Amino acid sequence: MRICVVGLGEVGLPTARYMKESGFEVMGYDINATVIEKARETGLAATRSWSETSSAEIYVVCVSTGLRNFDPDMSQVYDVCNKIGKKERPTLVSIESTVCSGTCRRIHSEIFGKRFPLVHVPHRYWPGDPLNHGVRQERVIGAVDEESLAIGLEVYKENLKIPLHVVSSIEAAETCKIAENAYRYVQIAFAEELRMICEESGSNFDEVREACNTKWNIEILEARNGIKGSCLPKDTKYLLSLTKFGKLLRGAINADRVYQKWLSKKR
């Protein structure tokens, strides 16, 4: 089968390369000329011309999502899916980009007219350890219907040999991804706040942390330089956007903000 991987950034490029190494005919698409050149240097066929992707049977969406005025910004996913929606009928569309719950089904209904099989297989790629936490690791899959799920399982599990945890709805897969990162955010924020408490009360944070972690169900993380990067802060806000609840998440965001100010005063 011919696959087009859309978006060749930190996740998309290794995804495309893995799929090529697994025996698929792969074309990468991105609008960034520098990204295209980098992909070609790895031996991957890549293009900035959407018309050159017309022969693809499977589309894998790996474009970035972000925030705009603190609100979820999934415009790149919608833009790509609008392009895919003009095709006759791809064998499968897989959205690996991080999105809010309800996004995939909205795309399937409003853009694809329920004509295309659609799955969500959110990435768990970590560039710090691509061997153990790369493209091929246990991942979650959700689908808009049984036909889509069957095709998705054939592509990802049977052909790509990626172990999958199947959930009952595409919304569960969407929520799972942002919940994972929000959970990690809260863990780190707790460690940061505990460090401040320890130093304020005269205890050694590292010693307290080590002592706590001797208990079988405790694993307090390190408190480093604040919660950086894009994924954890963004996905925490994505989860918050779904609910009127979220006091714990908002508290974690505030705790990290206070911690970073506290660190800057210590330097």
C-alpha atoms as a PDB file:
ATOM      1  CA  MET A   1       0.000   0.000   0.000  1.00  0.00           C
ATOM      2  CA  ARG A   2       1.080   3.591  -0.663  1.00  0.00           C
ATOM      3  CA  ILE A   3       1.172   5.808   2.420  1.00  0.00           C
ATOM      4  CA  CYS A   4       1.409   9.579   2.635  1.00  0.00           C
ATOM      5  CA  VAL A   5       2.673  10.879   5.978  1.00  0.00           C
ATOM      6  CA  VAL A   6       1.552  14.494   6.338  1.00  0.00           C
ATOM      7  CA  GLY A   7       3.839  16.565   8.528  1.00  0.00           C
ATOM      8  CA  LEU A   8       7.513  15.550   8.732  1.00  0.00           C
ATOM      9  CA  GLY A   9       8.519  17.068  12.031  1.00  0.00           C
ATOM     10  CA  GLU A  10       9.700  15.424  15.229  1.00  0.00           C
ATOM     11  CA  VAL A  11       7.006  12.726  15.024  1.00  0.00           C
ATOM     12  CA  GLY A  12       6.180  12.572  11.334  1.00  0.00           C
ATOM     13  CA  LEU A  13       9.669  11.962   9.988  1.00  0.00           C
ATOM     14  CA  PRO A  14      10.478   8.927  12.167  1.00  0.00           C
ATOM     15  CA  THR A  15       6.944   7.646  11.515  1.00  0.00           C
ATOM     16  CA  ALA A  16       7.473   7.862   7.754  1.00  0.00           C
ATOM     17  CA  ARG A  17      10.890   6.232   7.981  1.00  0.00           C
ATOM     18  CA  TYR A  18       9.548   3.384  10.127  1.00  0.00           C
ATOM     19  CA  MET A  19       6.725   2.752   7.684  1.00  0.00           C
ATOM     20  CA  LYS A  20       9.160   2.705   4.788  1.00  0.00           C
ATOM     21  CA  GLU A  21      11.437   0.278   6.627  1.00  0.00           C
ATOM     22  CA  SER A  22       8.360  -1.914   7.221  1.00  0.00           C
ATOM     23  CA  GLY A  23       7.906  -2.355   3.486  1.00  0.00           C
ATOM     24  CA  PHE A  24       5.381   0.328   2.584  1.00  0.00           C
ATOM     25  CA  GLU A  25       5.779   2.745  -0.299  1.00  0.00           C
ATOM     26  CA  VAL A  26       5.915   6.052   1.568  1.00  0.00           C
ATOM     27  CA  MET A  27       5.652   9.677   0.458  1.00  0.00           C
ATOM     28  CA  GLY A  28       6.168  12.470   2.965  1.00  0.00           C
ATOM     29  CA  TYR A  29       4.421  15.822   2.669  1.00  0.00           C
ATOM     30  CA  ASP A  30       5.248  19.085   4.409  1.00  0.00           C
ATOM     31  CA  ILE A  31       4.989  22.771   3.510  1.00  0.00           C
ATOM     32  CA  ASN A  32       8.419  23.588   4.968  1.00  0.00           C
ATOM     33  CA  ALA A  33      11.249  23.420   2.410  1.00  0.00           C
ATOM     34  CA  THR A  34      13.917  22.852   5.074  1.00  0.00           C
ATOM     35  CA  VAL A  35      11.948  19.938   6.521  1.00  0.00           C
ATOM     36  CA  ILE A  36      11.529  18.434   3.055  1.00  0.00           C
ATOM     37  CA  GLU A  37      15.266  18.649   2.413  1.00  0.00           C
ATOM     38  CA  LYS A  38      16.027  16.979   5.742  1.00  0.00           C
ATOM     39  CA  ALA A  39      13.600  14.161   4.921  1.00  0.00           C
ATOM     40  CA  ARG A  40      15.148  13.624   1.513  1.00  0.00           C
ATOM     41  CA  GLU A  41      18.598  13.436   3.077  1.00  0.00           C
ATOM     42  CA  THR A  42      17.386  10.362   4.994  1.00  0.00           C
ATOM     43  CA  GLY A  43      16.340   8.706   1.729  1.00  0.00           C
ATOM     44  CA  LEU A  44      12.621   9.430   2.075  1.00  0.00           C
ATOM     45  CA  ALA A  45      10.568  10.596  -0.881  1.00  0.00           C
ATOM     46  CA  ALA A  46       9.119  13.927   0.195  1.00  0.00           C
ATOM     47  CA  THR A  47       7.289  16.796  -1.448  1.00  0.00           C
ATOM     48  CA  ARG A  48       5.743  20.219  -0.876  1.00  0.00           C
ATOM     49  CA  SER A  49       3.293  19.641  -3.720  1.00  0.00           C
ATOM     50  CA  TRP A  50      -0.019  18.188  -2.551  1.00  0.00           C
ATOM     51  CA  SER A  51      -0.829  16.935  -6.041  1.00  0.00           C
ATOM     52  CA  GLU A  52       2.122  14.538  -5.819  1.00  0.00           C
ATOM     53  CA  THR A  53       0.391  12.689  -2.969  1.00  0.00           C
ATOM     54  CA  SER A  54      -2.643  11.812  -5.081  1.00  0.00           C
ATOM     55  CA  SER A  55      -1.679   8.147  -5.478  1.00  0.00           C
ATOM     56  CA  ALA A  56      -1.649   7.537  -1.716  1.00  0.00           C
ATOM     57  CA  GLU A  57      -4.075   4.959  -0.370  1.00  0.00           C
ATOM     58  CA  ILE A  58      -3.454   5.741   3.304  1.00  0.00           C
ATOM     59  CA  TYR A  59      -2.986   9.179   4.860  1.00  0.00           C
ATOM     60  CA  VAL A  60      -1.253   9.481   8.239  1.00  0.00           C
ATOM     61  CA  VAL A  61      -1.665  12.952   9.760  1.00  0.00           C
ATOM     62  CA  CYS A  62       1.258  14.021  11.967  1.00  0.00           C
ATOM     63  CA  VAL A  63       1.009  17.812  11.817  1.00  0.00           C
ATOM     64  CA  SER A  64       1.533  19.968  14.883  1.00  0.00           C
ATOM     65  CA  THR A  65      -1.251  21.235  17.101  1.00  0.00           C
ATOM     66  CA  GLY A  66      -0.891  24.075  19.548  1.00  0.00           C
ATOM     67  CA  LEU A  67      -2.533  26.941  21.383  1.00  0.00           C
ATOM     68  CA  ARG A  68      -3.873  30.260  20.171  1.00  0.00           C
ATOM     69  CA  ASN A  69      -4.716  32.777  22.885  1.00  0.00           C
ATOM     70  CA  PHE A  70      -4.549  29.850  25.350  1.00  0.00           C
ATOM     71  CA  ASP A  71      -7.228  27.941  23.406  1.00  0.00           C
ATOM     72  CA  PRO A  72      -6.660  24.696  21.462  1.00  0.00           C
ATOM     73  CA  ASP A  73      -5.477  25.340  17.912  1.00  0.00           C
ATOM     74  CA  MET A  74      -5.968  22.329  15.639  1.00  0.00           C
ATOM     75  CA  SER A  75      -6.169  24.341  12.438  1.00  0.00           C
ATOM     76  CA  GLN A  76      -3.364  22.405  10.753  1.00  0.00           C
ATOM     77  CA  VAL A  77      -5.238  19.129  11.259  1.00  0.00           C
ATOM     78  CA  TYR A  78      -8.391  20.637   9.770  1.00  0.00           C
ATOM     79  CA  ASP A  79      -6.456  22.133   6.843  1.00  0.00           C
ATOM     80  CA  VAL A  80      -4.898  18.783   5.958  1.00  0.00           C
ATOM     81  CA  CYS A  81      -8.159  16.887   6.341  1.00  0.00           C
ATOM     82  CA  ASN A  82      -9.885  19.376   4.050  1.00  0.00           C
ATOM     83  CA  LYS A  83      -7.303  18.473   1.400  1.00  0.00           C
ATOM     84  CA  ILE A  84      -7.748  14.752   2.015  1.00  0.00           C
ATOM     85  CA  GLY A  85     -11.524  15.196   1.877  1.00  0.00           C
ATOM     86  CA  LYS A  86     -11.313  16.093  -1.799  1.00  0.00           C
ATOM     87  CA  LYS A  87     -10.049  12.599  -2.669  1.00  0.00           C
ATOM     88  CA  GLU A  88     -12.313   9.845  -3.946  1.00  0.00           C
ATOM     89  CA  ARG A  89     -11.915   7.347  -1.090  1.00  0.00           C
ATOM     90  CA  PRO A  90      -8.637   6.588   0.675  1.00  0.00           C
ATOM     91  CA  THR A  91      -8.268   3.118   2.148  1.00  0.00           C
ATOM     92  CA  LEU A  92      -7.671   4.732   5.548  1.00  0.00           C
ATOM     93  CA  VAL A  93      -7.037   8.076   7.230  1.00  0.00           C
ATOM     94  CA  SER A  94      -5.148   7.936  10.529  1.00  0.00           C
ATOM     95  CA  ILE A  95      -4.793  11.012  12.707  1.00  0.00           C
ATOM     96  CA  GLU A  96      -1.749  10.705  14.971  1.00  0.00           C
ATOM     97  CA  SER A  97      -1.673  14.402  15.883  1.00  0.00           C
ATOM     98  CA  THR A  98      -2.851  15.329  19.379  1.00  0.00           C
ATOM     99  CA  VAL A  99      -6.426  16.649  19.289  1.00  0.00           C
ATOM    100  CA  CYS A 100      -9.268  17.396  21.694  1.00  0.00           C
ATOM    101  CA  SER A 101     -12.002  14.839  22.239  1.00  0.00           C
ATOM    102  CA  GLY A 102     -14.651  15.109  19.533  1.00  0.00           C
ATOM    103  CA  THR A 103     -12.308  16.411  16.832  1.00  0.00           C
ATOM    104  CA  CYS A 104     -11.926  13.205  14.819  1.00  0.00           C
ATOM    105  CA  ARG A 105     -15.626  12.445  14.685  1.00  0.00           C
ATOM    106  CA  ARG A 106     -16.329  16.040  13.650  1.00  0.00           C
ATOM    107  CA  ILE A 107     -13.804  15.707  10.834  1.00  0.00           C
ATOM    108  CA  HIS A 108     -15.292  12.371   9.801  1.00  0.00           C
ATOM    109  CA  SER A 109     -18.788  13.843   9.633  1.00  0.00           C
ATOM    110  CA  GLU A 110     -18.320  17.430   8.492  1.00  0.00           C
ATOM    111  CA  ILE A 111     -15.261  17.118   6.225  1.00  0.00           C
ATOM    112  CA  PHE A 112     -15.238  13.498   5.058  1.00  0.00           C
ATOM    113  CA  GLY A 113     -19.007  13.151   4.923  1.00  0.00           C
ATOM    114  CA  LYS A 114     -18.590   9.809   6.716  1.00  0.00           C
ATOM    115  CA  ARG A 115     -17.141   8.401   3.471  1.00  0.00           C
ATOM    116  CA  PHE A 116     -13.608   7.576   4.663  1.00  0.00           C
ATOM    117  CA  PRO A 117     -12.424   5.034   7.252  1.00  0.00           C
ATOM    118  CA  LEU A 118     -10.851   7.024  10.102  1.00  0.00           C
ATOM    119  CA  VAL A 119      -8.805   6.012  13.137  1.00  0.00           C
ATOM    120  CA  HIS A 120      -6.933   7.894  15.826  1.00  0.00           C
ATOM    121  CA  VAL A 121      -3.617   6.368  16.892  1.00  0.00           C
ATOM    122  CA  PRO A 122      -2.036   9.116  19.008  1.00  0.00           C
ATOM    123  CA  HIS A 123       1.731   9.080  19.035  1.00  0.00           C
ATOM    124  CA  ARG A 124       3.783   8.440  22.158  1.00  0.00           C
ATOM    125  CA  TYR A 125       7.058   9.253  20.481  1.00  0.00           C
ATOM    126  CA  TRP A 126       9.857  10.488  22.746  1.00  0.00           C
ATOM    127  CA  PRO A 127      12.986  11.695  20.934  1.00  0.00           C
ATOM    128  CA  GLY A 128      15.028  11.137  24.092  1.00  0.00           C
ATOM    129  CA  ASP A 129      14.762   7.365  23.640  1.00  0.00           C
ATOM    130  CA  PRO A 130      13.512   6.482  20.143  1.00  0.00           C
ATOM    131  CA  LEU A 131      14.542   2.840  20.571  1.00  0.00           C
ATOM    132  CA  ASN A 132      12.250   2.104  23.517  1.00  0.00           C
ATOM    133  CA  HIS A 133       9.786   4.968  23.135  1.00  0.00           C
ATOM    134  CA  GLY A 134       9.704   5.473  19.392  1.00  0.00           C
ATOM    135  CA  VAL A 135       7.142   4.636  16.731  1.00  0.00           C
ATOM    136  CA  ARG A 136       6.964   0.980  17.689  1.00  0.00           C
ATOM    137  CA  GLN A 137       5.734   0.874  21.264  1.00  0.00           C
ATOM    138  CA  GLU A 138       2.361   0.008  22.768  1.00  0.00           C
ATOM    139  CA  ARG A 139      -0.156   2.570  21.608  1.00  0.00           C
ATOM    140  CA  VAL A 140      -3.879   3.249  21.751  1.00  0.00           C
ATOM    141  CA  ILE A 141      -6.241   2.998  18.797  1.00  0.00           C
ATOM    142  CA  GLY A 142      -9.812   4.235  18.488  1.00  0.00           C
ATOM    143  CA  ALA A 143     -12.033   4.380  15.411  1.00  0.00           C
ATOM    144  CA  VAL A 144     -15.227   6.006  14.193  1.00  0.00           C
ATOM    145  CA  ASP A 145     -16.741   2.612  13.288  1.00  0.00           C
ATOM    146  CA  GLU A 146     -16.000  -1.107  13.091  1.00  0.00           C
ATOM    147  CA  GLU A 147     -14.851  -0.972   9.467  1.00  0.00           C
ATOM    148  CA  SER A 148     -12.299   1.714  10.287  1.00  0.00           C
ATOM    149  CA  LEU A 149     -11.066  -0.217  13.310  1.00  0.00           C
ATOM    150  CA  ALA A 150     -10.581  -3.402  11.291  1.00  0.00           C
ATOM    151  CA  ILE A 151      -8.545  -1.580   8.646  1.00  0.00           C
ATOM    152  CA  GLY A 152      -6.547   0.298  11.269  1.00  0.00           C
ATOM    153  CA  LEU A 153      -5.672  -2.903  13.104  1.00  0.00           C
ATOM    154  CA  GLU A 154      -4.545  -4.522   9.862  1.00  0.00           C
ATOM    155  CA  VAL A 155      -2.266  -1.615   8.994  1.00  0.00           C
ATOM    156  CA  TYR A 156      -0.803  -0.861  12.427  1.00  0.00           C
ATOM    157  CA  LYS A 157      -0.863  -4.201  14.205  1.00  0.00           C
ATOM    158  CA  GLU A 158      -0.510  -6.753  11.406  1.00  0.00           C
ATOM    159  CA  ASN A 159       1.648  -4.875   8.903  1.00  0.00           C
ATOM    160  CA  LEU A 160       3.582  -2.402  11.054  1.00  0.00           C
ATOM    161  CA  LYS A 161       3.826  -4.757  14.070  1.00  0.00           C
ATOM    162  CA  ILE A 162       2.903  -1.977  16.504  1.00  0.00           C
ATOM    163  CA  PRO A 163       1.261  -3.344  19.689  1.00  0.00           C
ATOM    164  CA  LEU A 164      -2.121  -1.723  20.202  1.00  0.00           C
ATOM    165  CA  HIS A 165      -4.571  -1.198  23.032  1.00  0.00           C
ATOM    166  CA  VAL A 166      -8.048  -0.951  21.511  1.00  0.00           C
ATOM    167  CA  VAL A 167     -10.577   1.425  23.061  1.00  0.00           C
ATOM    168  CA  SER A 168     -14.295   1.419  22.374  1.00  0.00           C
ATOM    169  CA  SER A 169     -14.520   4.882  20.820  1.00  0.00           C
ATOM    170  CA  ILE A 170     -12.353   7.380  18.998  1.00  0.00           C
ATOM    171  CA  GLU A 171     -13.167   9.906  21.731  1.00  0.00           C
ATOM    172  CA  ALA A 172     -11.541   7.632  24.328  1.00  0.00           C
ATOM    173  CA  ALA A 173      -8.339   7.554  22.264  1.00  0.00           C
ATOM    174  CA  GLU A 174      -8.355  11.338  21.921  1.00  0.00           C
ATOM    175  CA  THR A 175      -8.880  11.868  25.654  1.00  0.00           C
ATOM    176  CA  CYS A 176      -6.288   9.244  26.551  1.00  0.00           C
ATOM    177  CA  LYS A 177      -3.462  11.150  24.849  1.00  0.00           C
ATOM    178  CA  ILE A 178      -4.085  14.489  26.511  1.00  0.00           C
ATOM    179  CA  ALA A 179      -4.821  12.844  29.869  1.00  0.00           C
ATOM    180  CA  GLU A 180      -1.460  11.037  29.799  1.00  0.00           C
ATOM    181  CA  ASN A 181       0.452  14.285  29.455  1.00  0.00           C
ATOM    182  CA  ALA A 182      -1.759  16.165  31.896  1.00  0.00           C
ATOM    183  CA  TYR A 183      -1.107  13.433  34.478  1.00  0.00           C
ATOM    184  CA  ARG A 184       2.636  13.823  33.953  1.00  0.00           C
ATOM    185  CA  TYR A 185       2.274  17.581  34.318  1.00  0.00           C
ATOM    186  CA  VAL A 186       0.567  17.172  37.689  1.00  0.00           C
ATOM    187  CA  GLN A 187       3.273  14.743  38.870  1.00  0.00           C
ATOM    188  CA  ILE A 188       6.033  17.205  38.033  1.00  0.00           C
ATOM    189  CA  ALA A 189       4.168  20.140  39.562  1.00  0.00           C
ATOM    190  CA  PHE A 190       3.762  18.181  42.806  1.00  0.00           C
ATOM    191  CA  ALA A 191       7.506  17.527  42.938  1.00  0.00           C
ATOM    192  CA  GLU A 192       8.182  21.219  42.314  1.00  0.00           C
ATOM    193  CA  GLU A 193       5.832  22.294  45.081  1.00  0.00           C
ATOM    194  CA  LEU A 194       7.268  19.716  47.479  1.00  0.00           C
ATOM    195  CA  ARG A 195      10.756  21.062  46.814  1.00  0.00           C
ATOM    196  CA  MET A 196       9.607  24.563  47.740  1.00  0.00           C
ATOM    197  CA  ILE A 197       7.897  23.249  50.877  1.00  0.00           C
ATOM    198  CA  CYS A 198      11.015  21.335  51.901  1.00  0.00           C
ATOM    199  CA  GLU A 199      13.337  24.283  51.460  1.00  0.00           C
ATOM    200  CA  GLU A 200      10.932  26.577  53.281  1.00  0.00           C
ATOM    201  CA  SER A 201      10.680  24.178  56.224  1.00  0.00           C
ATOM    202  CA  GLY A 202      14.396  23.370  56.375  1.00  0.00           C
ATOM    203  CA  SER A 203      14.292  19.819  54.952  1.00  0.00           C
ATOM    204  CA  ASN A 204      16.417  18.445  52.141  1.00  0.00           C
ATOM    205  CA  PHE A 205      14.147  17.797  49.163  1.00  0.00           C
ATOM    206  CA  ASP A 206      16.334  15.096  47.611  1.00  0.00           C
ATOM    207  CA  GLU A 207      16.496  13.216  50.906  1.00  0.00           C
ATOM    208  CA  VAL A 208      12.736  13.493  51.451  1.00  0.00           C
ATOM    209  CA  ARG A 209      12.061  12.388  47.875  1.00  0.00           C
ATOM    210  CA  GLU A 210      14.383   9.392  48.199  1.00  0.00           C
ATOM    211  CA  ALA A 211      12.757   8.404  51.479  1.00  0.00           C
ATOM    212  CA  CYS A 212       9.230   8.706  50.060  1.00  0.00           C
ATOM    213  CA  ASN A 213      10.152   6.611  47.047  1.00  0.00           C
ATOM    214  CA  THR A 214      11.040   3.628  49.231  1.00  0.00           C
ATOM    215  CA  LYS A 215       7.284   3.103  49.664  1.00  0.00           C
ATOM    216  CA  TRP A 216       5.912   0.610  47.160  1.00  0.00           C
ATOM    217  CA  ASN A 217       3.280   2.907  45.657  1.00  0.00           C
ATOM    218  CA  ILE A 218       5.196   6.201  45.628  1.00  0.00           C
ATOM    219  CA  GLU A 219       7.367   7.643  42.860  1.00  0.00           C
ATOM    220  CA  ILE A 220       7.984  11.351  43.321  1.00  0.00           C
ATOM    221  CA  LEU A 221       9.759  12.838  40.323  1.00  0.00           C
ATOM    222  CA  GLU A 222      12.729  15.161  40.263  1.00  0.00           C
ATOM    223  CA  ALA A 223      12.113  18.910  40.452  1.00  0.00           C
ATOM    224  CA  ARG A 224      14.214  20.513  37.761  1.00  0.00           C
ATOM    225  CA  ASN A 225      13.849  23.768  35.860  1.00  0.00           C
ATOM    226  CA  GLY A 226      10.094  24.009  35.463  1.00  0.00           C
ATOM    227  CA  ILE A 227       7.810  22.319  32.962  1.00  0.00           C
ATOM    228  CA  LYS A 228       9.231  23.206  29.569  1.00  0.00           C
ATOM    229  CA  GLY A 229       8.524  22.164  25.996  1.00  0.00           C
ATOM    230  CA  SER A 230       5.176  22.270  24.265  1.00  0.00           C
ATOM    231  CA  CYS A 231       3.468  18.924  24.781  1.00  0.00           C
ATOM    232  CA  LEU A 232       2.774  18.787  28.521  1.00  0.00           C
ATOM    233  CA  PRO A 233       1.570  22.399  28.947  1.00  0.00           C
ATOM    234  CA  LYS A 234      -0.442  22.255  25.720  1.00  0.00           C
ATOM    235  CA  ASP A 235      -2.129  18.930  26.394  1.00  0.00           C
ATOM    236  CA  THR A 236      -3.003  19.943  29.949  1.00  0.00           C
ATOM    237  CA  LYS A 237      -4.817  22.978  28.534  1.00  0.00           C
ATOM    238  CA  TYR A 238      -6.485  20.726  25.915  1.00  0.00           C
ATOM    239  CA  LEU A 239      -7.890  18.572  28.711  1.00  0.00           C
ATOM    240  CA  LEU A 240      -9.009  21.655  30.632  1.00  0.00           C
ATOM    241  CA  SER A 241     -10.864  22.917  27.559  1.00  0.00           C
ATOM    242  CA  LEU A 242     -13.242  19.952  27.769  1.00  0.00           C
ATOM    243  CA  THR A 243     -14.637  20.587  31.230  1.00  0.00           C
ATOM    244  CA  LYS A 244     -16.007  22.953  33.833  1.00  0.00           C
ATOM    245  CA  PHE A 245     -13.985  20.955  36.352  1.00  0.00           C
ATOM    246  CA  GLY A 246     -10.193  20.988  36.446  1.00  0.00           C
ATOM    247  CA  LYS A 247      -9.264  22.649  39.740  1.00  0.00           C
ATOM    248  CA  LEU A 248      -6.371  20.215  40.204  1.00  0.00           C
ATOM    249  CA  LEU A 249      -5.026  20.916  36.709  1.00  0.00           C
ATOM    250  CA  ARG A 250      -5.303  24.673  37.183  1.00  0.00           C
ATOM    251  CA  GLY A 251      -3.578  24.303  40.529  1.00  0.00           C
ATOM    252  CA  ALA A 252      -0.729  22.385  38.882  1.00  0.00           C
ATOM    253  CA  ILE A 253      -0.338  25.094  36.229  1.00  0.00           C
ATOM    254  CA  ASN A 254      -0.192  27.732  38.945  1.00  0.00           C
ATOM    255  CA  ALA A 255       2.244  25.641  41.011  1.00  0.00           C
ATOM    256  CA  ASP A 256       4.649  25.414  38.084  1.00  0.00           C
ATOM    257  CA  ARG A 257       4.326  29.156  37.454  1.00  0.00           C
ATOM    258  CA  VAL A 258       5.153  29.878  41.113  1.00  0.00           C
ATOM    259  CA  TYR A 259       8.030  27.384  41.036  1.00  0.00           C
ATOM    260  CA  GLN A 260       9.635  28.984  37.997  1.00  0.00           C
ATOM    261  CA  LYS A 261       9.456  32.432  39.630  1.00  0.00           C
ATOM    262  CA  TRP A 262      10.896  30.925  42.813  1.00  0.00           C
ATOM    263  CA  LEU A 263      13.769  29.402  40.847  1.00  0.00           C
ATOM    264  CA  SER A 264      14.565  32.670  39.112  1.00  0.00           C
ATOM    265  CA  LYS A 265      14.924  34.396  42.488  1.00  0.00           C
ATOM    266  CA  LYS A 266      17.312  31.709  43.711  1.00  0.00           C
ATOM    267  CA  ARG A 267      19.715  32.236  40.792  1.00  0.00           C
END
